Amino acid sequence: MNWTNLYENTRGTWLKGNLHTHSGEGMTPEEIVRRYAGKGYDFLCISDHMKLNTHRLSGKSGFLLLHGFEWNSKVGEHMNLVSFRKPLLARSTKCHDQKQVLAWMAGEPVLVILNHPNWQEPPHYSREDLMDRPSAAGIEIYNGLIDFLSGTSLATEKWDYLLSRGRKVLGFASDDAHSPPHVGNAWIMVRAAARTPGAVFKAVRSGNFYCSTGVTFDVIRRQGQVITVAARNAREIWAVGEWGVRLDRVRCGRIVFDFATMSSAYRKYVRFVAFGKGAAQAWTQPFFMGEPIDDKRFSPFVGKWRLSRLVTTPLSQIKAAKLSDPSLDWTDVRTDAVPEGFVNVSRRHGSNDGVCYVGTSVTVPRDGVWTVCLGHDGGVRLFVDGRQVLETPKRVNPAVPDRSKVNVRLSRGGHEIVAALKTDSGMGQGIMLRFMIPVSVRKLPRVPVFPESLPLCRVSSRR
């Protein structure tokens, strides 16, 4: 599997299907196929508990069935096993030791999916449980049945935990239907080379699919370090990185994401989630970075800062401030090593509410345009030489590098950069700032030039 681009093979047809559904409760295999075919599905795995279903279709030309079942122990631990090795599957139906079954499946052409991690009756897989089952190909990041039971249908937080810990694991969505109202609530879209069960199985095992509850991706493409994702019925798309950190957000149906602009702190992988009408969503598989990126595009984090007292003016009405204003009671502050370059304002202001200024002076060796990359948790306004260039009023914890970006033209010489940060009773804890050569500049100079910190002159306070 090419984890840098699971969608590299663009040949084939997108087919809609579900690998986790059940017969019984008034639904025969024929009735199940009829219902799914009526909702536009192309393939299905009828995965009854501890029972291998080898049903053959009659008079249903074109609809595809894959072989498999849902394995479970006496204490839960549900997982789907999908394969064309029927003897291996049949053997597993008679064993209630999950570790033994997983050992049998290791290295075999079997798709192992750990089901509904966030089902709470009985409690299913903790993050540590999932880490302890490395032979599983994937986990259900969405299980529609849990909307009707105790727990949560969405499990992307556990997916990000595994990916961030270095586990390369696929995400699956299913409706886990046990009765007619459950049918058609979640599915996977698989890009298969042919309309056959074998081609679907091969494409799923290679990761060439995405998950959905209603949003359709039209484009999933990686070219070098640039990934483009588009969905015509999406209202918003997020890029999500390590530990579930949102790296980018667009309020439209198309996002272009460049690994080169991604903070080194969250650069292991990126995945995308699209939001449509109501609760409809879709999730891509993760893209791992691959070859290291040249960090020459970024400057070091600015290390010389001054912090003001708190002011009570609302952030929406805050004006620019000058480092020479003694009424703001400026003090020099040091940046933290972790996260790199972080100016922690809570050391001075604790849990007090208000707005504080964080300012610095830089010198620019020549005229030019740079991208100012501001990491922050609290809402901010950013001023350059007294002119507002950026505003992000909403607080999002934790503070991550490069959360907000803006291109700024700077002339040769000195400049003041001041951020007004809302402390939000201690929840807005600080900022970090660095410069980047804009993405539009594709060819980097051999020795990039960035604004540099100037010594901060002391200002006498008025007391």
Protein backbone atom coordinates (compact mmCIF):
# COMPACT_ATOMS: atom_id res chain seq x y z
CA MET A 1 0.00 0.00 0.00
CA ASN A 2 1.21 3.47 -0.87
CA TRP A 3 0.30 5.37 2.28
CA THR A 4 1.54 8.65 0.83
CA ASN A 5 -1.29 8.41 -1.73
CA LEU A 6 -3.84 5.60 -1.45
CA TYR A 7 -5.72 7.22 -4.34
CA GLU A 8 -2.77 7.08 -6.74
CA ASN A 9 -4.55 4.63 -9.08
CA THR A 10 -7.20 6.77 -10.76
CA ARG A 11 -8.39 4.08 -13.16
CA GLY A 12 -11.69 2.38 -12.42
CA THR A 13 -15.26 3.12 -11.41
CA TRP A 14 -16.60 4.35 -8.10
CA LEU A 15 -18.89 1.71 -6.57
CA LYS A 16 -21.08 2.20 -3.49
CA GLY A 17 -21.21 -0.52 -0.87
CA ASN A 18 -21.34 -1.73 2.70
CA LEU A 19 -19.24 -4.39 4.40
CA HIS A 20 -21.25 -4.65 7.62
CA THR A 21 -24.93 -5.58 7.60
CA HIS A 22 -27.09 -8.42 8.93
CA SER A 23 -29.91 -10.71 7.90
CA GLY A 24 -32.67 -11.73 10.30
CA GLU A 25 -35.22 -9.56 12.07
CA GLY A 26 -37.51 -9.80 9.04
CA MET A 27 -34.76 -9.33 6.43
CA THR A 28 -33.78 -12.33 4.34
CA PRO A 29 -30.66 -12.10 2.19
CA GLU A 30 -32.89 -11.48 -0.84
CA GLU A 31 -34.74 -8.70 1.00
CA ILE A 32 -31.45 -7.14 2.11
CA VAL A 33 -30.10 -7.06 -1.44
CA ARG A 34 -33.37 -5.62 -2.74
CA ARG A 35 -33.30 -2.79 -0.19
CA TYR A 36 -29.66 -1.88 -0.78
CA ALA A 37 -29.96 -2.08 -4.56
CA GLY A 38 -32.93 0.27 -4.30
CA LYS A 39 -30.70 2.81 -2.56
CA GLY A 40 -28.08 2.73 -5.30
CA TYR A 41 -25.64 0.27 -3.73
CA ASP A 42 -23.40 -1.86 -5.94
CA PHE A 43 -21.96 -4.37 -3.46
CA LEU A 44 -22.54 -5.80 -0.02
CA CYS A 45 -21.12 -8.16 2.57
CA ILE A 46 -23.84 -9.80 4.68
CA SER A 47 -21.86 -10.16 7.89
CA ASP A 48 -23.99 -12.14 10.34
CA HIS A 49 -22.60 -12.92 13.80
CA MET A 50 -20.33 -15.99 13.81
CA LYS A 51 -22.01 -17.30 10.66
CA LEU A 52 -20.44 -17.36 7.22
CA ASN A 53 -23.07 -16.35 4.68
CA THR A 54 -22.37 -17.83 1.23
CA HIS A 55 -25.67 -16.77 -0.27
CA ARG A 56 -25.79 -16.66 -4.09
CA LEU A 57 -27.88 -14.12 -5.95
CA SER A 58 -30.50 -15.17 -8.46
CA GLY A 59 -31.85 -12.76 -11.03
CA LYS A 60 -29.84 -9.83 -9.60
CA SER A 61 -27.36 -9.26 -12.38
CA GLY A 62 -24.73 -6.67 -11.56
CA PHE A 63 -25.11 -6.64 -7.76
CA LEU A 64 -22.00 -7.95 -6.01
CA LEU A 65 -21.68 -9.98 -2.82
CA LEU A 66 -18.47 -10.40 -0.82
CA HIS A 67 -17.99 -13.23 1.66
CA GLY A 68 -17.53 -12.53 5.33
CA PHE A 69 -19.04 -12.48 8.81
CA GLU A 70 -18.92 -10.55 12.07
CA TRP A 71 -16.77 -12.29 14.63
CA ASN A 72 -17.36 -11.68 18.33
CA SER A 73 -16.16 -13.14 21.59
CA LYS A 74 -18.32 -13.78 24.62
CA VAL A 75 -17.36 -10.35 26.02
CA GLY A 76 -17.84 -8.33 22.82
CA GLU A 77 -14.74 -7.54 20.72
CA HIS A 78 -16.65 -7.43 17.44
CA MET A 79 -14.77 -7.40 14.15
CA ASN A 80 -15.58 -8.07 10.51
CA LEU A 81 -13.65 -10.67 8.54
CA VAL A 82 -13.98 -10.41 4.75
CA SER A 83 -12.21 -12.82 2.41
CA PHE A 84 -12.58 -15.29 -0.43
CA ARG A 85 -10.75 -17.91 1.66
CA LYS A 86 -13.91 -19.62 2.87
CA PRO A 87 -12.16 -22.42 4.84
CA LEU A 88 -10.19 -19.84 6.82
CA LEU A 89 -13.36 -17.88 7.59
CA ALA A 90 -15.29 -21.01 8.51
CA ARG A 91 -12.54 -22.07 10.91
CA SER A 92 -12.75 -18.69 12.64
CA THR A 93 -16.48 -19.02 13.32
CA LYS A 94 -15.66 -21.82 15.78
CA CYS A 95 -13.05 -19.89 17.79
CA HIS A 96 -13.88 -17.33 20.51
CA ASP A 97 -10.30 -16.19 21.18
CA GLN A 98 -9.71 -12.95 19.29
CA LYS A 99 -5.93 -13.05 19.55
CA GLN A 100 -5.92 -16.54 18.10
CA VAL A 101 -8.15 -15.50 15.21
CA LEU A 102 -6.02 -12.44 14.51
CA ALA A 103 -2.93 -14.66 14.50
CA TRP A 104 -4.59 -16.91 11.90
CA MET A 105 -5.45 -13.89 9.73
CA ALA A 106 -1.97 -12.33 9.81
CA GLY A 107 -0.45 -12.46 6.34
CA GLU A 108 -3.59 -13.95 4.78
CA PRO A 109 -5.76 -12.26 2.12
CA VAL A 110 -8.34 -11.29 4.74
CA LEU A 111 -9.74 -7.86 5.52
CA VAL A 112 -9.99 -7.40 9.31
CA ILE A 113 -12.07 -4.41 10.51
CA LEU A 114 -12.54 -3.63 14.21
CA ASN A 115 -16.18 -2.66 14.63
CA HIS A 116 -17.94 0.21 16.44
CA PRO A 117 -15.12 1.24 18.82
CA ASN A 118 -17.41 3.67 20.64
CA TRP A 119 -20.32 1.33 21.35
CA GLN A 120 -20.72 1.40 25.14
CA GLU A 121 -22.87 -1.68 25.80
CA PRO A 122 -20.71 -3.56 26.41
CA PRO A 123 -17.81 -1.09 26.24
CA HIS A 124 -15.84 -1.91 23.13
CA TYR A 125 -12.36 -0.90 22.06
CA SER A 126 -10.35 1.61 24.04
CA ARG A 127 -7.49 3.38 22.27
CA GLU A 128 -5.08 0.98 23.94
CA ASP A 129 -7.16 -2.03 22.84
CA LEU A 130 -6.98 -0.83 19.24
CA MET A 131 -3.22 -0.30 19.46
CA ASP A 132 -2.88 -3.85 20.77
CA ARG A 133 -4.38 -5.31 17.56
CA PRO A 134 -1.85 -4.27 14.90
CA SER A 135 -2.89 -6.92 12.36
CA ALA A 136 -6.29 -5.27 11.82
CA ALA A 137 -6.45 -3.42 8.50
CA GLY A 138 -8.93 -0.85 9.71
CA ILE A 139 -11.51 0.37 12.20
CA GLU A 140 -15.04 1.63 11.78
CA ILE A 141 -14.78 5.40 12.07
CA TYR A 142 -18.55 5.59 11.65
CA ASN A 143 -21.13 2.96 12.57
CA GLY A 144 -24.72 4.05 11.93
CA LEU A 145 -26.28 1.50 14.27
CA ILE A 146 -24.77 3.18 17.33
CA ASP A 147 -27.05 6.15 16.66
CA PHE A 148 -29.80 3.81 17.92
CA LEU A 149 -27.75 2.43 20.85
CA SER A 150 -25.58 3.67 23.72
CA GLY A 151 -22.34 5.28 22.65
CA THR A 152 -21.34 7.39 19.66
CA SER A 153 -21.39 6.43 16.00
CA LEU A 154 -18.30 8.51 15.20
CA ALA A 155 -14.86 7.24 16.24
CA THR A 156 -12.46 9.50 14.33
CA GLU A 157 -10.77 10.54 17.59
CA LYS A 158 -9.54 6.95 18.03
CA TRP A 159 -8.52 6.81 14.38
CA ASP A 160 -6.37 9.92 14.84
CA TYR A 161 -4.86 8.42 17.98
CA LEU A 162 -3.74 5.34 16.05
CA LEU A 163 -2.46 7.32 13.07
CA SER A 164 -0.59 9.75 15.33
CA ARG A 165 1.04 6.84 17.13
CA GLY A 166 2.33 5.54 13.80
CA ARG A 167 -0.32 2.90 13.08
CA LYS A 168 -1.28 2.95 9.40
CA VAL A 169 -4.92 1.92 9.59
CA LEU A 170 -7.87 2.42 7.22
CA GLY A 171 -11.14 4.07 8.20
CA PHE A 172 -14.49 2.43 7.35
CA ALA A 173 -18.12 3.54 7.53
CA SER A 174 -21.08 1.15 7.70
CA ASP A 175 -24.71 1.20 8.74
CA ASP A 176 -24.50 -2.18 10.56
CA ALA A 177 -28.16 -2.70 9.63
CA HIS A 178 -30.18 -5.13 11.74
CA SER A 179 -33.60 -3.95 10.54
CA PRO A 180 -35.02 -1.85 7.65
CA PRO A 181 -34.69 1.59 9.36
CA HIS A 182 -30.91 1.07 9.61
CA VAL A 183 -30.37 0.46 5.89
CA GLY A 184 -28.50 3.10 3.90
CA ASN A 185 -27.19 5.35 6.68
CA ALA A 186 -23.46 4.97 5.90
CA TRP A 187 -21.31 3.44 3.19
CA ILE A 188 -17.95 3.32 1.46
CA MET A 189 -17.22 4.42 -2.11
CA VAL A 190 -14.63 2.14 -3.71
CA ARG A 191 -12.71 2.86 -6.92
CA ALA A 192 -12.61 -0.63 -8.45
CA ALA A 193 -10.90 -1.63 -11.69
CA ALA A 194 -13.87 -3.82 -12.65
CA ARG A 195 -17.40 -4.53 -11.47
CA THR A 196 -16.51 -7.81 -9.76
CA PRO A 197 -16.29 -8.89 -6.11
CA GLY A 198 -12.58 -9.56 -6.55
CA ALA A 199 -11.88 -6.07 -7.92
CA VAL A 200 -13.82 -4.45 -5.06
CA PHE A 201 -11.95 -6.54 -2.49
CA LYS A 202 -8.58 -5.62 -4.04
CA ALA A 203 -9.39 -1.91 -4.14
CA VAL A 204 -10.55 -1.87 -0.51
CA ARG A 205 -7.42 -3.65 0.65
CA SER A 206 -5.30 -1.08 -1.22
CA GLY A 207 -7.17 1.81 0.47
CA ASN A 208 -8.67 3.28 -2.70
CA PHE A 209 -11.99 4.24 -1.12
CA TYR A 210 -13.62 6.85 1.09
CA CYS A 211 -16.39 6.83 3.69
CA SER A 212 -19.64 8.75 3.57
CA THR A 213 -22.99 9.42 5.17
CA GLY A 214 -24.15 11.67 2.33
CA VAL A 215 -21.32 13.75 0.85
CA THR A 216 -19.74 12.70 -2.46
CA PHE A 217 -16.11 13.46 -3.29
CA ASP A 218 -15.56 14.42 -6.93
CA VAL A 219 -11.78 14.89 -6.66
CA ILE A 220 -9.20 13.28 -4.36
CA ARG A 221 -5.79 13.94 -5.88
CA ARG A 222 -2.20 14.35 -4.75
CA GLN A 223 0.47 15.92 -6.93
CA GLY A 224 3.82 16.12 -5.19
CA GLN A 225 3.11 17.73 -1.82
CA VAL A 226 -0.17 19.34 -2.92
CA ILE A 227 -3.49 17.58 -2.26
CA THR A 228 -6.75 18.69 -3.87
CA VAL A 229 -10.09 17.50 -2.53
CA ALA A 230 -13.46 18.57 -3.95
CA ALA A 231 -17.07 17.65 -3.20
CA ARG A 232 -19.88 19.40 -5.05
CA ASN A 233 -22.41 18.88 -2.24
CA ALA A 234 -20.05 19.90 0.58
CA ARG A 235 -20.56 23.16 2.43
CA GLU A 236 -17.27 22.95 4.30
CA ILE A 237 -14.07 20.86 4.16
CA TRP A 238 -11.45 20.43 6.87
CA ALA A 239 -7.87 19.23 6.67
CA VAL A 240 -7.10 17.25 9.85
CA GLY A 241 -3.63 16.29 11.06
CA GLU A 242 -1.95 14.52 13.96
CA TRP A 243 -4.01 14.15 17.15
CA GLY A 244 -7.07 15.46 15.34
CA VAL A 245 -5.76 19.02 14.98
CA ARG A 246 -7.60 21.01 12.31
CA LEU A 247 -4.94 22.32 9.95
CA ASP A 248 -7.13 24.14 7.47
CA ARG A 249 -10.77 24.90 6.79
CA VAL A 250 -12.66 26.17 3.76
CA ARG A 251 -16.34 27.08 3.68
CA CYS A 252 -16.87 25.71 0.19
CA GLY A 253 -16.61 22.44 -1.71
CA ARG A 254 -12.94 22.55 -2.71
CA ILE A 255 -9.72 22.62 -0.70
CA VAL A 256 -6.09 22.71 -1.88
CA PHE A 257 -3.64 21.71 0.82
CA ASP A 258 0.14 21.96 0.57
CA PHE A 259 2.27 19.85 2.91
CA ALA A 260 4.95 22.54 2.56
CA THR A 261 2.76 24.98 4.52
CA MET A 262 2.09 22.46 7.28
CA SER A 263 3.68 22.91 10.69
CA SER A 264 6.43 20.40 11.40
CA ALA A 265 4.69 19.66 14.70
CA TYR A 266 1.71 18.08 12.89
CA ARG A 267 3.23 16.91 9.63
CA LYS A 268 2.95 13.12 9.89
CA TYR A 269 -0.29 12.87 7.93
CA VAL A 270 -3.36 14.76 6.79
CA ARG A 271 -6.88 13.53 6.14
CA PHE A 272 -9.97 15.37 4.96
CA VAL A 273 -13.55 15.52 6.19
CA ALA A 274 -16.32 17.20 4.21
CA PHE A 275 -19.56 18.49 5.73
CA GLY A 276 -22.76 18.66 3.73
CA LYS A 277 -26.40 19.40 4.42
CA GLY A 278 -27.58 18.48 7.91
CA ALA A 279 -25.36 15.80 9.44
CA ALA A 280 -23.98 14.46 6.13
CA GLN A 281 -20.22 13.95 6.09
CA ALA A 282 -17.49 12.16 4.15
CA TRP A 283 -13.97 11.15 5.12
CA THR A 284 -10.90 10.43 3.00
CA GLN A 285 -8.20 8.00 3.99
CA PRO A 286 -5.06 9.64 5.42
CA PHE A 287 -2.18 10.92 3.29
CA PHE A 288 1.17 10.38 4.99
CA MET A 289 3.81 12.97 4.19
CA GLY A 290 6.42 10.76 2.55
CA GLU A 291 9.70 12.42 1.66
CA PRO A 292 10.80 15.11 4.14
CA ILE A 293 9.86 18.65 3.21
CA ASP A 294 12.45 21.36 2.89
CA ASP A 295 11.78 23.74 5.78
CA LYS A 296 13.61 26.56 4.00
CA ARG A 297 10.20 28.06 3.24
CA PHE A 298 9.78 28.92 6.95
CA SER A 299 11.69 31.31 9.17
CA PRO A 300 12.51 30.44 12.79
CA PHE A 301 9.84 31.46 15.28
CA VAL A 302 10.16 35.03 16.48
CA GLY A 303 11.84 34.86 19.88
CA LYS A 304 11.78 38.43 21.25
CA TRP A 305 8.45 39.61 22.61
CA ARG A 306 6.88 42.10 24.96
CA LEU A 307 3.61 41.53 26.84
CA SER A 308 1.18 44.22 28.01
CA ARG A 309 -1.18 44.41 30.96
CA LEU A 310 -4.79 43.31 30.49
CA VAL A 311 -7.29 45.77 29.06
CA THR A 312 -11.07 45.47 29.30
CA THR A 313 -11.89 46.65 25.79
CA PRO A 314 -13.72 43.87 23.84
CA LEU A 315 -11.63 42.26 21.13
CA SER A 316 -14.10 43.42 18.48
CA GLN A 317 -13.37 47.02 19.43
CA ILE A 318 -9.68 46.77 20.19
CA LYS A 319 -7.35 49.22 18.46
CA ALA A 320 -3.70 48.97 17.52
CA ALA A 321 -1.08 49.51 20.22
CA LYS A 322 2.49 50.76 20.14
CA LEU A 323 5.43 49.21 21.96
CA SER A 324 6.39 52.74 22.98
CA ASP A 325 3.14 53.27 24.93
CA PRO A 326 4.12 53.22 28.65
CA SER A 327 0.50 53.05 29.83
CA LEU A 328 0.33 49.40 28.71
CA ASP A 329 2.96 48.35 31.26
CA TRP A 330 5.01 46.27 28.79
CA THR A 331 7.26 43.49 30.12
CA ASP A 332 9.76 41.31 28.28
CA VAL A 333 8.75 37.65 27.96
CA ARG A 334 10.56 34.49 26.93
CA THR A 335 9.21 31.95 24.48
CA ASP A 336 8.73 28.28 25.33
CA ALA A 337 10.65 25.41 23.78
CA VAL A 338 7.48 23.25 23.60
CA PRO A 339 5.60 24.22 21.60
CA GLU A 340 8.44 26.00 19.90
CA GLY A 341 8.24 29.79 19.98
CA PHE A 342 5.14 29.93 22.20
CA VAL A 343 4.53 33.15 24.14
CA ASN A 344 2.63 32.02 27.23
CA VAL A 345 0.61 35.00 28.46
CA SER A 346 -1.05 33.01 31.26
CA ARG A 347 2.19 33.16 33.28
CA ARG A 348 1.46 36.83 33.85
CA HIS A 349 -2.32 36.99 33.55
CA GLY A 350 -3.39 33.60 34.92
CA SER A 351 -7.14 33.01 34.60
CA ASN A 352 -8.03 36.69 34.40
CA ASP A 353 -10.31 37.76 31.56
CA GLY A 354 -9.55 40.51 29.10
CA VAL A 355 -7.36 41.36 26.11
CA CYS A 356 -3.59 41.65 26.20
CA TYR A 357 -1.13 42.82 23.59
CA VAL A 358 1.89 40.77 22.53
CA GLY A 359 4.34 42.77 20.43
CA THR A 360 7.68 42.57 18.69
CA SER A 361 9.86 44.57 16.31
CA VAL A 362 11.42 43.13 13.15
CA THR A 363 13.74 44.43 10.49
CA VAL A 364 13.30 43.60 6.82
CA PRO A 365 16.41 43.48 4.59
CA ARG A 366 14.52 44.29 1.36
CA ASP A 367 11.05 45.08 0.06
CA GLY A 368 8.88 42.03 -0.40
CA VAL A 369 5.85 39.93 0.51
CA TRP A 370 5.89 37.36 3.28
CA THR A 371 3.21 35.15 4.78
CA VAL A 372 2.78 35.90 8.48
CA CYS A 373 1.95 32.59 10.19
CA LEU A 374 0.29 33.08 13.55
CA GLY A 375 -0.33 30.24 15.97
CA HIS A 376 -2.83 31.00 18.74
CA ASP A 377 -5.63 29.58 20.84
CA GLY A 378 -7.58 32.68 21.93
CA GLY A 379 -9.25 35.05 19.49
CA VAL A 380 -6.82 37.57 17.99
CA ARG A 381 -6.40 40.73 15.99
CA LEU A 382 -3.01 41.21 14.34
CA PHE A 383 -1.59 44.64 13.55
CA VAL A 384 1.47 45.53 11.46
CA ASP A 385 2.67 49.11 11.95
CA GLY A 386 -0.72 50.01 13.42
CA ARG A 387 -2.72 48.53 10.52
CA GLN A 388 -4.97 45.53 11.14
CA VAL A 389 -4.05 42.70 8.77
CA LEU A 390 -5.82 39.71 10.33
CA GLU A 391 -8.69 38.87 12.67
CA THR A 392 -9.66 35.44 13.99
CA PRO A 393 -12.13 36.03 16.83
CA LYS A 394 -12.92 32.44 17.81
CA ARG A 395 -10.94 30.55 20.45
CA VAL A 396 -9.79 27.04 19.52
CA ASN A 397 -7.65 25.03 21.96
CA PRO A 398 -4.89 24.02 21.89
CA ALA A 399 -2.72 26.62 20.20
CA VAL A 400 -1.09 25.12 17.10
CA PRO A 401 1.54 26.67 14.84
CA ASP A 402 0.38 28.56 11.75
CA ARG A 403 -3.34 28.46 12.61
CA SER A 404 -3.97 31.82 10.87
CA LYS A 405 -2.04 33.14 7.87
CA VAL A 406 -1.99 36.40 5.96
CA ASN A 407 0.27 37.75 3.22
CA VAL A 408 1.82 41.11 4.14
CA ARG A 409 3.93 43.43 2.01
CA LEU A 410 6.80 44.92 4.01
CA SER A 411 9.25 47.61 2.96
CA ARG A 412 12.92 47.56 3.82
CA GLY A 413 13.54 48.65 7.42
CA GLY A 414 11.92 48.23 10.81
CA HIS A 415 8.32 47.25 11.56
CA GLU A 416 6.19 46.65 14.65
CA ILE A 417 3.99 43.57 14.84
CA VAL A 418 1.43 43.50 17.65
CA ALA A 419 -1.21 40.84 18.37
CA ALA A 420 -4.22 41.56 20.57
CA LEU A 421 -5.16 38.27 22.25
CA LYS A 422 -8.36 37.58 24.17
CA THR A 423 -7.42 35.61 27.30
CA ASP A 424 -10.93 34.19 27.77
CA SER A 425 -10.48 33.62 31.53
CA GLY A 426 -7.21 31.79 31.02
CA MET A 427 -8.29 29.64 28.04
CA GLY A 428 -6.52 31.94 25.60
CA GLN A 429 -2.97 31.18 26.65
CA GLY A 430 -0.69 32.60 23.99
CA ILE A 431 0.67 32.95 20.48
CA MET A 432 3.61 31.96 18.28
CA LEU A 433 4.64 33.67 15.05
CA ARG A 434 6.95 33.00 12.15
CA PHE A 435 7.27 34.03 8.51
CA MET A 436 6.90 31.94 5.39
CA ILE A 437 7.78 32.48 1.76
CA PRO A 438 4.34 32.53 0.09
CA VAL A 439 3.10 29.31 -1.52
CA SER A 440 2.82 31.18 -4.83
CA VAL A 441 6.64 31.31 -4.91
CA ARG A 442 7.38 27.82 -6.19
CA LYS A 443 11.13 28.16 -6.69
CA LEU A 444 12.83 28.96 -3.40
CA PRO A 445 16.01 31.04 -3.35
CA ARG A 446 19.15 29.20 -2.33
CA VAL A 447 19.37 31.35 0.81
CA PRO A 448 15.86 32.52 1.80
CA VAL A 449 15.58 35.98 3.38
CA PHE A 450 13.15 36.64 6.24
CA PRO A 451 12.30 39.50 8.61
CA GLU A 452 14.46 39.28 11.75
CA SER A 453 13.83 40.32 15.35
CA LEU A 454 15.13 43.66 16.54
CA PRO A 455 16.24 44.36 20.10
CA LEU A 456 13.29 45.63 22.12
CA CYS A 457 13.87 48.99 23.74
CA ARG A 458 12.71 49.30 27.30
CA VAL A 459 9.78 51.57 27.98
CA SER A 460 9.30 53.36 31.28
CA SER A 461 5.95 52.54 32.88
CA ARG A 462 3.66 55.24 34.23
CA ARG A 463 2.81 54.25 37.77
